[in-house]
Amino acid sequence: MGFLMSKSMEQSMKKQQEFMLLNGRLQLERQILMQNQMRERQVAMQIAWSREFLKYYGSFFGLAAFGLSVGAMKRKSPGLFVPIIPLSFILAYQLDTAYGTLLQRMKSEAEDIMVTEHERLELPHGTPTFEAIEKARRAQSAFFLEK
């Protein structure tokens, strides 16, 4: 009788462990999907911000270029065209960010860094461990309990 009972409990425990493993896997998959969706939303917001900024900066650049060109022609001073050069670099960068391939190039460069220069990505004192986090949590709890 005891043997049957222990065998039944063993099977029940094994099923529960499998269920917990499956549940943990589902939870991890959901977290990964959620984090990826949040990342995608943040990137979309950055691109949208770049496009919105480009509208304002493009208007500023157009007015500045027009004003400097008119001033250069009236005063017959080609030196007034000089500010257009750095302003055009900023405009080109904003265009590349908003509508160009800047993000793809940055992604490619980041992938290369992760492969060839992985040591640059290491955190000071290494990756946090559960033990280190628990130690800090206990120290913080003790600090608040003393007050």
Protein backbone atom coordinates (compact mmCIF):
# COMPACT_ATOMS: atom_id res chain seq x y z
CA MET A 1 0.00 0.00 0.00
CA GLY A 2 2.79 2.40 0.91
CA PHE A 3 4.63 1.59 -2.32
CA LEU A 4 1.56 2.44 -4.42
CA MET A 5 1.09 5.66 -2.47
CA SER A 6 4.69 6.78 -2.96
CA LYS A 7 4.59 5.85 -6.66
CA SER A 8 1.39 7.88 -7.11
CA MET A 9 2.93 10.85 -5.27
CA GLU A 10 6.07 10.55 -7.36
CA GLN A 11 4.04 10.65 -10.58
CA SER A 12 2.03 13.57 -9.28
CA MET A 13 5.21 15.45 -8.35
CA LYS A 14 6.71 14.71 -11.76
CA LYS A 15 3.58 16.07 -13.51
CA GLN A 16 3.68 19.16 -11.30
CA GLN A 17 7.36 19.75 -12.15
CA GLU A 18 6.59 19.42 -15.87
CA PHE A 19 3.68 21.85 -15.47
CA MET A 20 5.90 24.34 -13.62
CA LEU A 21 8.57 24.04 -16.30
CA LEU A 22 6.02 24.64 -19.06
CA ASN A 23 4.49 27.53 -17.12
CA GLY A 24 7.92 29.09 -16.58
CA ARG A 25 8.70 28.77 -20.27
CA LEU A 26 5.41 30.43 -21.24
CA GLN A 27 6.06 33.26 -18.81
CA LEU A 28 9.56 33.79 -20.20
CA GLU A 29 8.26 33.80 -23.79
CA ARG A 30 5.63 36.38 -22.83
CA GLN A 31 8.28 38.57 -21.17
CA ILE A 32 10.51 38.37 -24.23
CA LEU A 33 7.59 39.30 -26.52
CA MET A 34 6.56 42.16 -24.25
CA GLN A 35 10.10 43.54 -24.08
CA ASN A 36 10.43 43.31 -27.85
CA GLN A 37 7.14 45.13 -28.37
CA MET A 38 8.25 47.86 -25.97
CA ARG A 39 11.56 48.17 -27.83
CA GLU A 40 9.74 48.42 -31.16
CA ARG A 41 7.48 51.14 -29.78
CA GLN A 42 10.46 53.10 -28.47
CA VAL A 43 12.23 52.89 -31.84
CA ALA A 44 9.02 53.94 -33.61
CA MET A 45 8.78 56.94 -31.28
CA GLN A 46 12.40 57.88 -32.02
CA ILE A 47 11.77 57.71 -35.77
CA ALA A 48 8.56 59.71 -35.40
CA TRP A 49 10.42 62.31 -33.33
CA SER A 50 13.12 62.55 -36.01
CA ARG A 51 10.52 63.06 -38.72
CA GLU A 52 8.72 65.72 -36.70
CA PHE A 53 12.00 67.49 -35.89
CA LEU A 54 12.92 67.34 -39.58
CA LYS A 55 9.79 69.32 -40.47
CA TYR A 56 10.78 72.15 -38.16
CA TYR A 57 14.48 72.02 -38.97
CA GLY A 58 13.78 71.81 -42.71
CA SER A 59 11.66 74.95 -42.47
CA PHE A 60 14.41 76.70 -40.50
CA PHE A 61 17.06 75.56 -43.00
CA GLY A 62 15.00 76.74 -45.97
CA LEU A 63 14.40 80.17 -44.45
CA ALA A 64 18.02 80.51 -43.36
CA ALA A 65 19.34 79.45 -46.77
CA PHE A 66 16.97 81.85 -48.51
CA GLY A 67 17.84 84.72 -46.17
CA LEU A 68 21.59 84.12 -46.40
CA SER A 69 21.41 83.84 -50.19
CA VAL A 70 19.48 87.11 -50.51
CA GLY A 71 21.89 88.81 -48.09
CA ALA A 72 24.92 87.48 -49.96
CA MET A 73 23.58 88.74 -53.28
CA LYS A 74 22.58 92.18 -51.95
CA ARG A 75 25.86 92.75 -50.14
CA LYS A 76 27.88 90.94 -52.78
CA SER A 77 29.55 89.02 -49.97
CA PRO A 78 29.93 85.27 -50.63
CA GLY A 79 30.98 84.78 -47.01
CA LEU A 80 27.32 84.77 -46.03
CA PHE A 81 26.95 81.37 -47.73
CA VAL A 82 29.34 79.75 -45.22
CA PRO A 83 26.71 79.00 -42.49
CA ILE A 84 24.74 76.95 -45.03
CA ILE A 85 27.48 74.30 -45.06
CA PRO A 86 27.20 73.11 -41.42
CA LEU A 87 23.43 73.57 -41.49
CA SER A 88 23.24 71.30 -44.54
CA PHE A 89 25.21 68.58 -42.72
CA ILE A 90 22.67 68.68 -39.88
CA LEU A 91 19.84 68.54 -42.42
CA ALA A 92 21.42 65.52 -44.15
CA TYR A 93 21.83 63.74 -40.81
CA GLN A 94 18.19 64.40 -39.89
CA LEU A 95 17.03 63.17 -43.30
CA ASP A 96 19.10 60.01 -42.90
CA THR A 97 17.68 59.44 -39.42
CA ALA A 98 14.07 60.06 -40.42
CA TYR A 99 13.90 58.43 -43.85
CA GLY A 100 17.29 56.94 -44.66
CA THR A 101 19.29 53.89 -43.67
CA LEU A 102 20.96 55.28 -40.56
CA LEU A 103 19.14 52.89 -38.21
CA GLN A 104 20.06 49.86 -40.35
CA ARG A 105 23.70 50.94 -40.43
CA MET A 106 23.69 51.47 -36.66
CA LYS A 107 22.17 48.01 -36.16
CA SER A 108 24.80 46.44 -38.39
CA GLU A 109 27.59 48.23 -36.53
CA ALA A 110 26.14 47.15 -33.19
CA GLU A 111 26.04 43.53 -34.35
CA ASP A 112 29.69 43.77 -35.43
CA ILE A 113 30.65 45.22 -32.05
CA MET A 114 28.82 42.40 -30.26
CA VAL A 115 30.75 39.82 -32.28
CA THR A 116 34.22 41.32 -32.58
CA GLU A 117 34.48 43.58 -29.51
CA HIS A 118 32.41 41.73 -26.94
CA GLU A 119 34.76 42.69 -24.09
CA ARG A 120 33.64 46.31 -24.44
CA LEU A 121 30.11 45.30 -23.49
CA GLU A 122 30.95 43.78 -20.13
CA LEU A 123 29.46 45.47 -17.09
CA PRO A 124 31.64 46.68 -14.23
CA HIS A 125 31.82 43.87 -11.64
CA GLY A 126 30.29 41.47 -14.20
CA THR A 127 26.69 40.44 -14.68
CA PRO A 128 24.53 40.82 -11.56
CA THR A 129 23.77 37.52 -9.85
CA PHE A 130 20.76 36.52 -7.80
CA GLU A 131 22.94 36.36 -4.70
CA ALA A 132 24.29 39.88 -5.22
CA ILE A 133 20.80 41.28 -5.76
CA GLU A 134 19.48 39.49 -2.67
CA LYS A 135 22.40 40.79 -0.60
CA ALA A 136 21.67 44.36 -1.72
CA ARG A 137 17.94 43.90 -1.09
CA ARG A 138 18.56 42.58 2.42
CA ALA A 139 20.96 45.44 3.17
CA GLN A 140 18.38 47.94 1.96
CA SER A 141 15.62 46.28 3.98
CA ALA A 142 17.82 46.34 7.07
CA PHE A 143 18.56 50.03 6.46
CA PHE A 144 14.87 50.92 6.31
CA LEU A 145 14.07 48.80 9.35
CA GLU A 146 16.66 50.68 11.42
CA LYS A 147 15.03 54.05 10.67
